[in-house]
Amino acid sequence: MVTKEQILEALQEVIDPELGVDIVNLGLIYSVEIFKETGTVLVDMTLTTPGCPLSDSMSAAAERVLLSLEGVEKAKINIVWHPAWDASKMSTVARKKLGM
């Protein structure tokens, strides 16, 4: 079965089109749960703003990436708003890409 590390690595393929940085390094992924018995992966993620017009496309892209992993039969992306996202959640990689 897939590991959390493999999931996070795969999710780095999903780029926030407005910022040009992946959703993992932006700190948008809050939790990953793996249910090995059913091959299900559940991810809680947020977005940089609650009114983000790209929420559907970004969550769909994340789901597609997860379903491409061996052993993943189902993928569910939950968009959550608590805790609220802020720039402190970004990795050093994201900060450098954004000139911070």
PDB file of N, CA and C in Angstrom:
ATOM      1  N   MET A   1       0.845  -1.192   0.000  1.00  0.00           N
ATOM      2  CA  MET A   1       0.000   0.000   0.000  1.00  0.00           C
ATOM      3  C   MET A   1       0.882   1.245   0.000  1.00  0.00           C
ATOM      4  N   VAL A   2       0.322   2.296  -0.454  1.00  0.00           N
ATOM      5  CA  VAL A   2       1.004   3.579  -0.549  1.00  0.00           C
ATOM      6  C   VAL A   2       1.296   4.144   0.848  1.00  0.00           C
ATOM      7  N   THR A   3       2.359   4.918   0.935  1.00  0.00           N
ATOM      8  CA  THR A   3       2.723   5.544   2.213  1.00  0.00           C
ATOM      9  C   THR A   3       2.360   7.028   2.194  1.00  0.00           C
ATOM     10  N   LYS A   4       2.363   7.628   3.365  1.00  0.00           N
ATOM     11  CA  LYS A   4       2.089   9.056   3.475  1.00  0.00           C
ATOM     12  C   LYS A   4       3.138   9.854   2.700  1.00  0.00           C
ATOM     13  N   GLU A   5       4.386   9.430   2.773  1.00  0.00           N
ATOM     14  CA  GLU A   5       5.461  10.117   2.060  1.00  0.00           C
ATOM     15  C   GLU A   5       5.226  10.087   0.549  1.00  0.00           C
ATOM     16  N   GLN A   6       4.782   8.941   0.028  1.00  0.00           N
ATOM     17  CA  GLN A   6       4.492   8.827  -1.406  1.00  0.00           C
ATOM     18  C   GLN A   6       3.320   9.729  -1.797  1.00  0.00           C
ATOM     19  N   ILE A   7       2.342   9.813  -0.932  1.00  0.00           N
ATOM     20  CA  ILE A   7       1.181  10.666  -1.195  1.00  0.00           C
ATOM     21  C   ILE A   7       1.611  12.130  -1.253  1.00  0.00           C
ATOM     22  N   LEU A   8       2.382  12.557  -0.275  1.00  0.00           N
ATOM     23  CA  LEU A   8       2.831  13.952  -0.253  1.00  0.00           C
ATOM     24  C   LEU A   8       3.730  14.266  -1.446  1.00  0.00           C
ATOM     25  N   GLU A   9       4.562  13.319  -1.828  1.00  0.00           N
ATOM     26  CA  GLU A   9       5.412  13.518  -3.004  1.00  0.00           C
ATOM     27  C   GLU A   9       4.561  13.672  -4.269  1.00  0.00           C
ATOM     28  N   ALA A  10       3.549  12.830  -4.390  1.00  0.00           N
ATOM     29  CA  ALA A  10       2.658  12.909  -5.559  1.00  0.00           C
ATOM     30  C   ALA A  10       1.885  14.227  -5.576  1.00  0.00           C
ATOM     31  N   LEU A  11       1.437  14.675  -4.420  1.00  0.00           N
ATOM     32  CA  LEU A  11       0.665  15.915  -4.352  1.00  0.00           C
ATOM     33  C   LEU A  11       1.498  17.145  -4.704  1.00  0.00           C
ATOM     34  N   GLN A  12       2.819  17.006  -4.694  1.00  0.00           N
ATOM     35  CA  GLN A  12       3.675  18.114  -5.110  1.00  0.00           C
ATOM     36  C   GLN A  12       3.541  18.392  -6.612  1.00  0.00           C
ATOM     37  N   GLU A  13       2.893  17.501  -7.332  1.00  0.00           N
ATOM     38  CA  GLU A  13       2.623  17.721  -8.756  1.00  0.00           C
ATOM     39  C   GLU A  13       1.473  18.705  -8.971  1.00  0.00           C
ATOM     40  N   VAL A  14       0.681  18.935  -7.940  1.00  0.00           N
ATOM     41  CA  VAL A  14      -0.474  19.831  -8.049  1.00  0.00           C
ATOM     42  C   VAL A  14      -0.010  21.247  -7.713  1.00  0.00           C
ATOM     43  N   ILE A  15      -0.043  22.095  -8.720  1.00  0.00           N
ATOM     44  CA  ILE A  15       0.458  23.461  -8.592  1.00  0.00           C
ATOM     45  C   ILE A  15      -0.703  24.442  -8.456  1.00  0.00           C
ATOM     46  N   ASP A  16      -0.593  25.339  -7.493  1.00  0.00           N
ATOM     47  CA  ASP A  16      -1.562  26.430  -7.388  1.00  0.00           C
ATOM     48  C   ASP A  16      -1.276  27.360  -8.564  1.00  0.00           C
ATOM     49  N   PRO A  17      -2.211  27.461  -9.527  1.00  0.00           N
ATOM     50  CA  PRO A  17      -1.940  28.235 -10.732  1.00  0.00           C
ATOM     51  C   PRO A  17      -1.734  29.730 -10.490  1.00  0.00           C
ATOM     52  N   GLU A  18      -2.279  30.252  -9.429  1.00  0.00           N
ATOM     53  CA  GLU A  18      -2.107  31.677  -9.143  1.00  0.00           C
ATOM     54  C   GLU A  18      -0.727  31.976  -8.572  1.00  0.00           C
ATOM     55  N   LEU A  19      -0.171  31.039  -7.788  1.00  0.00           N
ATOM     56  CA  LEU A  19       1.104  31.283  -7.123  1.00  0.00           C
ATOM     57  C   LEU A  19       2.268  30.535  -7.774  1.00  0.00           C
ATOM     58  N   GLY A  20       1.969  29.495  -8.550  1.00  0.00           N
ATOM     59  CA  GLY A  20       3.019  28.736  -9.216  1.00  0.00           C
ATOM     60  C   GLY A  20       3.831  27.855  -8.285  1.00  0.00           C
ATOM     61  N   VAL A  21       3.261  27.490  -7.143  1.00  0.00           N
ATOM     62  CA  VAL A  21       3.921  26.642  -6.155  1.00  0.00           C
ATOM     63  C   VAL A  21       2.980  25.487  -5.846  1.00  0.00           C
ATOM     64  N   ASP A  22       3.566  24.318  -5.550  1.00  0.00           N
ATOM     65  CA  ASP A  22       2.727  23.148  -5.289  1.00  0.00           C
ATOM     66  C   ASP A  22       1.999  23.263  -3.944  1.00  0.00           C
ATOM     67  N   ILE A  23       0.915  22.500  -3.839  1.00  0.00           N
ATOM     68  CA  ILE A  23       0.041  22.592  -2.668  1.00  0.00           C
ATOM     69  C   ILE A  23       0.692  22.065  -1.391  1.00  0.00           C
ATOM     70  N   VAL A  24       1.671  21.173  -1.514  1.00  0.00           N
ATOM     71  CA  VAL A  24       2.357  20.668  -0.326  1.00  0.00           C
ATOM     72  C   VAL A  24       3.263  21.754   0.251  1.00  0.00           C
ATOM     73  N   ASN A  25       4.092  22.347  -0.590  1.00  0.00           N
ATOM     74  CA  ASN A  25       5.016  23.381  -0.111  1.00  0.00           C
ATOM     75  C   ASN A  25       4.300  24.661   0.310  1.00  0.00           C
ATOM     76  N   LEU A  26       3.115  24.888  -0.225  1.00  0.00           N
ATOM     77  CA  LEU A  26       2.325  26.034   0.235  1.00  0.00           C
ATOM     78  C   LEU A  26       1.745  25.796   1.627  1.00  0.00           C
ATOM     79  N   GLY A  27       1.773  24.551   2.078  1.00  0.00           N
ATOM     80  CA  GLY A  27       1.216  24.233   3.397  1.00  0.00           C
ATOM     81  C   GLY A  27      -0.286  24.052   3.369  1.00  0.00           C
ATOM     82  N   LEU A  28      -0.819  23.681   2.210  1.00  0.00           N
ATOM     83  CA  LEU A  28      -2.266  23.526   2.075  1.00  0.00           C
ATOM     84  C   LEU A  28      -2.761  22.146   2.513  1.00  0.00           C
ATOM     85  N   ILE A  29      -1.864  21.187   2.640  1.00  0.00           N
ATOM     86  CA  ILE A  29      -2.257  19.838   3.053  1.00  0.00           C
ATOM     87  C   ILE A  29      -2.193  19.756   4.571  1.00  0.00           C
ATOM     88  N   TYR A  30      -3.340  19.510   5.191  1.00  0.00           N
ATOM     89  CA  TYR A  30      -3.413  19.465   6.647  1.00  0.00           C
ATOM     90  C   TYR A  30      -3.314  18.050   7.203  1.00  0.00           C
ATOM     91  N   SER A  31      -3.888  17.074   6.508  1.00  0.00           N
ATOM     92  CA  SER A  31      -3.800  15.706   7.011  1.00  0.00           C
ATOM     93  C   SER A  31      -3.974  14.704   5.871  1.00  0.00           C
ATOM     94  N   VAL A  32      -3.383  13.531   6.098  1.00  0.00           N
ATOM     95  CA  VAL A  32      -3.487  12.418   5.154  1.00  0.00           C
ATOM     96  C   VAL A  32      -3.824  11.178   5.968  1.00  0.00           C
ATOM     97  N   GLU A  33      -4.895  10.501   5.580  1.00  0.00           N
ATOM     98  CA  GLU A  33      -5.262   9.235   6.216  1.00  0.00           C
ATOM     99  C   GLU A  33      -5.278   8.163   5.144  1.00  0.00           C
ATOM    100  N   ILE A  34      -4.723   7.008   5.470  1.00  0.00           N
ATOM    101  CA  ILE A  34      -4.672   5.880   4.539  1.00  0.00           C
ATOM    102  C   ILE A  34      -5.441   4.730   5.164  1.00  0.00           C
ATOM    103  N   PHE A  35      -6.399   4.212   4.420  1.00  0.00           N
ATOM    104  CA  PHE A  35      -7.183   3.067   4.856  1.00  0.00           C
ATOM    105  C   PHE A  35      -6.793   1.887   3.969  1.00  0.00           C
ATOM    106  N   LYS A  36      -5.817   1.123   4.450  1.00  0.00           N
ATOM    107  CA  LYS A  36      -5.220   0.064   3.640  1.00  0.00           C
ATOM    108  C   LYS A  36      -6.218  -1.001   3.234  1.00  0.00           C
ATOM    109  N   GLU A  37      -7.156  -1.324   4.108  1.00  0.00           N
ATOM    110  CA  GLU A  37      -8.105  -2.396   3.819  1.00  0.00           C
ATOM    111  C   GLU A  37      -9.016  -2.083   2.630  1.00  0.00           C
ATOM    112  N   THR A  38      -9.254  -0.796   2.364  1.00  0.00           N
ATOM    113  CA  THR A  38     -10.124  -0.418   1.238  1.00  0.00           C
ATOM    114  C   THR A  38      -9.375   0.297   0.120  1.00  0.00           C
ATOM    115  N   GLY A  39      -8.085   0.581   0.337  1.00  0.00           N
ATOM    116  CA  GLY A  39      -7.322   1.313  -0.673  1.00  0.00           C
ATOM    117  C   GLY A  39      -7.765   2.763  -0.810  1.00  0.00           C
ATOM    118  N   THR A  40      -8.266   3.319   0.287  1.00  0.00           N
ATOM    119  CA  THR A  40      -8.794   4.680   0.280  1.00  0.00           C
ATOM    120  C   THR A  40      -7.798   5.646   0.915  1.00  0.00           C
ATOM    121  N   VAL A  41      -7.671   6.801   0.305  1.00  0.00           N
ATOM    122  CA  VAL A  41      -6.849   7.874   0.864  1.00  0.00           C
ATOM    123  C   VAL A  41      -7.757   9.080   1.085  1.00  0.00           C
ATOM    124  N   LEU A  42      -7.697   9.623   2.280  1.00  0.00           N
ATOM    125  CA  LEU A  42      -8.486  10.795   2.651  1.00  0.00           C
ATOM    126  C   LEU A  42      -7.524  11.927   2.978  1.00  0.00           C
ATOM    127  N   VAL A  43      -7.684  13.057   2.296  1.00  0.00           N
ATOM    128  CA  VAL A  43      -6.808  14.206   2.495  1.00  0.00           C
ATOM    129  C   VAL A  43      -7.645  15.417   2.888  1.00  0.00           C
ATOM    130  N   ASP A  44      -7.246  16.073   3.969  1.00  0.00           N
ATOM    131  CA  ASP A  44      -7.821  17.365   4.335  1.00  0.00           C
ATOM    132  C   ASP A  44      -6.867  18.425   3.830  1.00  0.00           C
ATOM    133  N   MET A  45      -7.379  19.333   3.043  1.00  0.00           N
ATOM    134  CA  MET A  45      -6.566  20.434   2.548  1.00  0.00           C
ATOM    135  C   MET A  45      -7.355  21.718   2.627  1.00  0.00           C
ATOM    136  N   THR A  46      -6.645  22.809   2.575  1.00  0.00           N
ATOM    137  CA  THR A  46      -7.272  24.111   2.575  1.00  0.00           C
ATOM    138  C   THR A  46      -6.815  24.859   1.338  1.00  0.00           C
ATOM    139  N   LEU A  47      -7.238  26.068   1.209  1.00  0.00           N
ATOM    140  CA  LEU A  47      -6.824  26.933   0.114  1.00  0.00           C
ATOM    141  C   LEU A  47      -6.343  28.246   0.716  1.00  0.00           C
ATOM    142  N   THR A  48      -5.654  29.025  -0.079  1.00  0.00           N
ATOM    143  CA  THR A  48      -5.090  30.264   0.462  1.00  0.00           C
ATOM    144  C   THR A  48      -6.165  31.274   0.834  1.00  0.00           C
ATOM    145  N   THR A  49      -7.319  31.218   0.165  1.00  0.00           N
ATOM    146  CA  THR A  49      -8.434  32.110   0.502  1.00  0.00           C
ATOM    147  C   THR A  49      -9.748  31.350   0.389  1.00  0.00           C
ATOM    148  N   PRO A  50     -10.705  31.622   1.274  1.00  0.00           N
ATOM    149  CA  PRO A  50     -11.990  30.924   1.217  1.00  0.00           C
ATOM    150  C   PRO A  50     -12.749  31.114  -0.096  1.00  0.00           C
ATOM    151  N   GLY A  51     -12.587  32.233  -0.750  1.00  0.00           N
ATOM    152  CA  GLY A  51     -13.306  32.487  -1.992  1.00  0.00           C
ATOM    153  C   GLY A  51     -12.547  32.052  -3.234  1.00  0.00           C
ATOM    154  N   CYS A  52     -11.562  31.210  -3.072  1.00  0.00           N
ATOM    155  CA  CYS A  52     -10.712  30.801  -4.191  1.00  0.00           C
ATOM    156  C   CYS A  52     -11.550  30.166  -5.302  1.00  0.00           C
ATOM    157  N   PRO A  53     -11.527  30.750  -6.497  1.00  0.00           N
ATOM    158  CA  PRO A  53     -12.316  30.212  -7.597  1.00  0.00           C
ATOM    159  C   PRO A  53     -11.756  28.908  -8.157  1.00  0.00           C
ATOM    160  N   LEU A  54     -10.566  28.514  -7.710  1.00  0.00           N
ATOM    161  CA  LEU A  54      -9.925  27.309  -8.226  1.00  0.00           C
ATOM    162  C   LEU A  54     -10.102  26.102  -7.313  1.00  0.00           C
ATOM    163  N   SER A  55     -10.941  26.207  -6.308  1.00  0.00           N
ATOM    164  CA  SER A  55     -11.066  25.122  -5.328  1.00  0.00           C
ATOM    165  C   SER A  55     -11.463  23.803  -5.983  1.00  0.00           C
ATOM    166  N   ASP A  56     -12.421  23.831  -6.895  1.00  0.00           N
ATOM    167  CA  ASP A  56     -12.854  22.590  -7.542  1.00  0.00           C
ATOM    168  C   ASP A  56     -11.753  21.991  -8.407  1.00  0.00           C
ATOM    169  N   SER A  57     -11.067  22.822  -9.177  1.00  0.00           N
ATOM    170  CA  SER A  57     -10.038  22.291 -10.063  1.00  0.00           C
ATOM    171  C   SER A  57      -8.826  21.791  -9.289  1.00  0.00           C
ATOM    172  N   MET A  58      -8.459  22.461  -8.215  1.00  0.00           N
ATOM    173  CA  MET A  58      -7.307  22.019  -7.431  1.00  0.00           C
ATOM    174  C   MET A  58      -7.611  20.724  -6.687  1.00  0.00           C
ATOM    175  N   SER A  59      -8.792  20.597  -6.121  1.00  0.00           N
ATOM    176  CA  SER A  59      -9.132  19.354  -5.426  1.00  0.00           C
ATOM    177  C   SER A  59      -9.281  18.202  -6.421  1.00  0.00           C
ATOM    178  N   ALA A  60      -9.804  18.479  -7.603  1.00  0.00           N
ATOM    179  CA  ALA A  60      -9.910  17.441  -8.634  1.00  0.00           C
ATOM    180  C   ALA A  60      -8.529  16.999  -9.106  1.00  0.00           C
ATOM    181  N   ALA A  61      -7.605  17.931  -9.251  1.00  0.00           N
ATOM    182  CA  ALA A  61      -6.236  17.593  -9.651  1.00  0.00           C
ATOM    183  C   ALA A  61      -5.566  16.740  -8.580  1.00  0.00           C
ATOM    184  N   ALA A  62      -5.765  17.079  -7.324  1.00  0.00           N
ATOM    185  CA  ALA A  62      -5.194  16.298  -6.227  1.00  0.00           C
ATOM    186  C   ALA A  62      -5.771  14.885  -6.230  1.00  0.00           C
ATOM    187  N   GLU A  63      -7.050  14.772  -6.446  1.00  0.00           N
ATOM    188  CA  GLU A  63      -7.683  13.453  -6.491  1.00  0.00           C
ATOM    189  C   GLU A  63      -7.126  12.619  -7.648  1.00  0.00           C
ATOM    190  N   ARG A  64      -6.975  13.228  -8.818  1.00  0.00           N
ATOM    191  CA  ARG A  64      -6.415  12.507  -9.972  1.00  0.00           C
ATOM    192  C   ARG A  64      -5.013  11.991  -9.692  1.00  0.00           C
ATOM    193  N   VAL A  65      -4.190  12.830  -9.090  1.00  0.00           N
ATOM    194  CA  VAL A  65      -2.817  12.429  -8.760  1.00  0.00           C
ATOM    195  C   VAL A  65      -2.833  11.236  -7.805  1.00  0.00           C
ATOM    196  N   LEU A  66      -3.684  11.283  -6.799  1.00  0.00           N
ATOM    197  CA  LEU A  66      -3.745  10.192  -5.829  1.00  0.00           C
ATOM    198  C   LEU A  66      -4.220   8.900  -6.470  1.00  0.00           C
ATOM    199  N   LEU A  67      -5.205   8.996  -7.343  1.00  0.00           N
ATOM    200  CA  LEU A  67      -5.730   7.797  -7.995  1.00  0.00           C
ATOM    201  C   LEU A  67      -4.724   7.164  -8.954  1.00  0.00           C
ATOM    202  N   SER A  68      -3.709   7.915  -9.339  1.00  0.00           N
ATOM    203  CA  SER A  68      -2.683   7.364 -10.223  1.00  0.00           C
ATOM    204  C   SER A  68      -1.659   6.518  -9.459  1.00  0.00           C
ATOM    205  N   LEU A  69      -1.692   6.597  -8.124  1.00  0.00           N
ATOM    206  CA  LEU A  69      -0.744   5.836  -7.314  1.00  0.00           C
ATOM    207  C   LEU A  69      -1.182   4.378  -7.179  1.00  0.00           C
ATOM    208  N   GLU A  70      -0.209   3.492  -7.261  1.00  0.00           N
ATOM    209  CA  GLU A  70      -0.494   2.069  -7.116  1.00  0.00           C
ATOM    210  C   GLU A  70      -1.035   1.789  -5.724  1.00  0.00           C
ATOM    211  N   GLY A  71      -2.128   1.060  -5.668  1.00  0.00           N
ATOM    212  CA  GLY A  71      -2.743   0.708  -4.398  1.00  0.00           C
ATOM    213  C   GLY A  71      -3.839   1.649  -3.952  1.00  0.00           C
ATOM    214  N   VAL A  72      -4.005   2.776  -4.621  1.00  0.00           N
ATOM    215  CA  VAL A  72      -5.065   3.718  -4.247  1.00  0.00           C
ATOM    216  C   VAL A  72      -6.279   3.445  -5.133  1.00  0.00           C
ATOM    217  N   GLU A  73      -7.347   2.991  -4.514  1.00  0.00           N
ATOM    218  CA  GLU A  73      -8.587   2.689  -5.231  1.00  0.00           C
ATOM    219  C   GLU A  73      -9.584   3.847  -5.168  1.00  0.00           C
ATOM    220  N   LYS A  74      -9.553   4.560  -4.058  1.00  0.00           N
ATOM    221  CA  LYS A  74     -10.441   5.704  -3.846  1.00  0.00           C
ATOM    222  C   LYS A  74      -9.636   6.831  -3.231  1.00  0.00           C
ATOM    223  N   ALA A  75      -9.974   8.049  -3.626  1.00  0.00           N
ATOM    224  CA  ALA A  75      -9.332   9.227  -3.042  1.00  0.00           C
ATOM    225  C   ALA A  75     -10.408  10.263  -2.767  1.00  0.00           C
ATOM    226  N   LYS A  76     -10.344  10.834  -1.602  1.00  0.00           N
ATOM    227  CA  LYS A  76     -11.313  11.854  -1.213  1.00  0.00           C
ATOM    228  C   LYS A  76     -10.545  13.061  -0.691  1.00  0.00           C
ATOM    229  N   ILE A  77     -10.827  14.212  -1.285  1.00  0.00           N
ATOM    230  CA  ILE A  77     -10.212  15.467  -0.859  1.00  0.00           C
ATOM    231  C   ILE A  77     -11.283  16.289  -0.141  1.00  0.00           C
ATOM    232  N   ASN A  78     -11.040  16.580   1.113  1.00  0.00           N
ATOM    233  CA  ASN A  78     -11.932  17.450   1.888  1.00  0.00           C
ATOM    234  C   ASN A  78     -11.304  18.837   1.956  1.00  0.00           C
ATOM    235  N   ILE A  79     -12.049  19.830   1.514  1.00  0.00           N
ATOM    236  CA  ILE A  79     -11.593  21.219   1.665  1.00  0.00           C
ATOM    237  C   ILE A  79     -12.050  21.693   3.033  1.00  0.00           C
ATOM    238  N   VAL A  80     -11.084  22.114   3.852  1.00  0.00           N
ATOM    239  CA  VAL A  80     -11.390  22.578   5.209  1.00  0.00           C
ATOM    240  C   VAL A  80     -10.898  24.014   5.361  1.00  0.00           C
ATOM    241  N   TRP A  81     -11.483  24.713   6.301  1.00  0.00           N
ATOM    242  CA  TRP A  81     -11.124  26.123   6.513  1.00  0.00           C
ATOM    243  C   TRP A  81     -10.587  26.389   7.904  1.00  0.00           C
ATOM    244  N   HIS A  82     -10.483  25.337   8.705  1.00  0.00           N
ATOM    245  CA  HIS A  82      -9.956  25.518  10.055  1.00  0.00           C
ATOM    246  C   HIS A  82      -8.828  24.536  10.278  1.00  0.00           C
ATOM    247  N   PRO A  83      -7.684  24.952  10.675  1.00  0.00           N
ATOM    248  CA  PRO A  83      -7.333  26.345  10.912  1.00  0.00           C
ATOM    249  C   PRO A  83      -7.166  27.102   9.599  1.00  0.00           C
ATOM    250  N   ALA A  84      -7.347  28.374   9.663  1.00  0.00           N
ATOM    251  CA  ALA A  84      -7.199  29.198   8.470  1.00  0.00           C
ATOM    252  C   ALA A  84      -5.744  29.165   8.006  1.00  0.00           C
ATOM    253  N   TRP A  85      -5.555  29.159   6.710  1.00  0.00           N
ATOM    254  CA  TRP A  85      -4.206  29.163   6.138  1.00  0.00           C
ATOM    255  C   TRP A  85      -3.599  30.550   6.273  1.00  0.00           C
ATOM    256  N   ASP A  86      -2.298  30.576   6.522  1.00  0.00           N
ATOM    257  CA  ASP A  86      -1.544  31.832   6.446  1.00  0.00           C
ATOM    258  C   ASP A  86      -0.137  31.493   5.955  1.00  0.00           C
ATOM    259  N   ALA A  87       0.611  32.501   5.610  1.00  0.00           N
ATOM    260  CA  ALA A  87       1.926  32.318   4.986  1.00  0.00           C
ATOM    261  C   ALA A  87       2.911  31.571   5.871  1.00  0.00           C
ATOM    262  N   SER A  88       2.684  31.513   7.157  1.00  0.00           N
ATOM    263  CA  SER A  88       3.604  30.796   8.046  1.00  0.00           C
ATOM    264  C   SER A  88       3.590  29.289   7.792  1.00  0.00           C
ATOM    265  N   LYS A  89       2.590  28.802   7.105  1.00  0.00           N
ATOM    266  CA  LYS A  89       2.480  27.371   6.814  1.00  0.00           C
ATOM    267  C   LYS A  89       3.326  26.951   5.606  1.00  0.00           C
ATOM    268  N   MET A  90       3.860  27.923   4.871  1.00  0.00           N
ATOM    269  CA  MET A  90       4.655  27.619   3.680  1.00  0.00           C
ATOM    270  C   MET A  90       6.033  27.084   4.057  1.00  0.00           C
ATOM    271  N   SER A  91       6.558  26.215   3.191  1.00  0.00           N
ATOM    272  CA  SER A  91       7.910  25.702   3.383  1.00  0.00           C
ATOM    273  C   SER A  91       8.924  26.748   2.938  1.00  0.00           C
ATOM    274  N   THR A  92      10.170  26.496   3.257  1.00  0.00           N
ATOM    275  CA  THR A  92      11.259  27.371   2.816  1.00  0.00           C
ATOM    276  C   THR A  92      11.315  27.418   1.298  1.00  0.00           C
ATOM    277  N   VAL A  93      11.058  26.275   0.658  1.00  0.00           N
ATOM    278  CA  VAL A  93      11.049  26.203  -0.813  1.00  0.00           C
ATOM    279  C   VAL A  93      10.018  27.171  -1.382  1.00  0.00           C
ATOM    280  N   ALA A  94       8.809  27.161  -0.822  1.00  0.00           N
ATOM    281  CA  ALA A  94       7.738  28.048  -1.307  1.00  0.00           C
ATOM    282  C   ALA A  94       8.100  29.507  -1.066  1.00  0.00           C
ATOM    283  N   ARG A  95       8.649  29.805   0.086  1.00  0.00           N
ATOM    284  CA  ARG A  95       9.023  31.194   0.395  1.00  0.00           C
ATOM    285  C   ARG A  95      10.051  31.723  -0.596  1.00  0.00           C
ATOM    286  N   LYS A  96      11.035  30.880  -0.923  1.00  0.00           N
ATOM    287  CA  LYS A  96      12.064  31.292  -1.893  1.00  0.00           C
ATOM    288  C   LYS A  96      11.455  31.523  -3.265  1.00  0.00           C
ATOM    289  N   LYS A  97      10.565  30.601  -3.685  1.00  0.00           N
ATOM    290  CA  LYS A  97       9.936  30.759  -5.010  1.00  0.00           C
ATOM    291  C   LYS A  97       9.113  32.020  -5.090  1.00  0.00           C
ATOM    292  N   LEU A  98       8.537  32.414  -3.979  1.00  0.00           N
ATOM    293  CA  LEU A  98       7.687  33.609  -3.955  1.00  0.00           C
ATOM    294  C   LEU A  98       8.449  34.868  -3.554  1.00  0.00           C
ATOM    295  N   GLY A  99       9.748  34.743  -3.379  1.00  0.00           N
ATOM    296  CA  GLY A  99      10.577  35.900  -3.056  1.00  0.00           C
ATOM    297  C   GLY A  99      10.381  36.440  -1.656  1.00  0.00           C
ATOM    298  N   MET A 100      10.068  35.582  -0.731  1.00  0.00           N
ATOM    299  CA  MET A 100       9.814  36.021   0.654  1.00  0.00           C
ATOM    300  C   MET A 100      11.055  35.811   1.499  1.00  0.00           C
TER     301      MET A 100
END
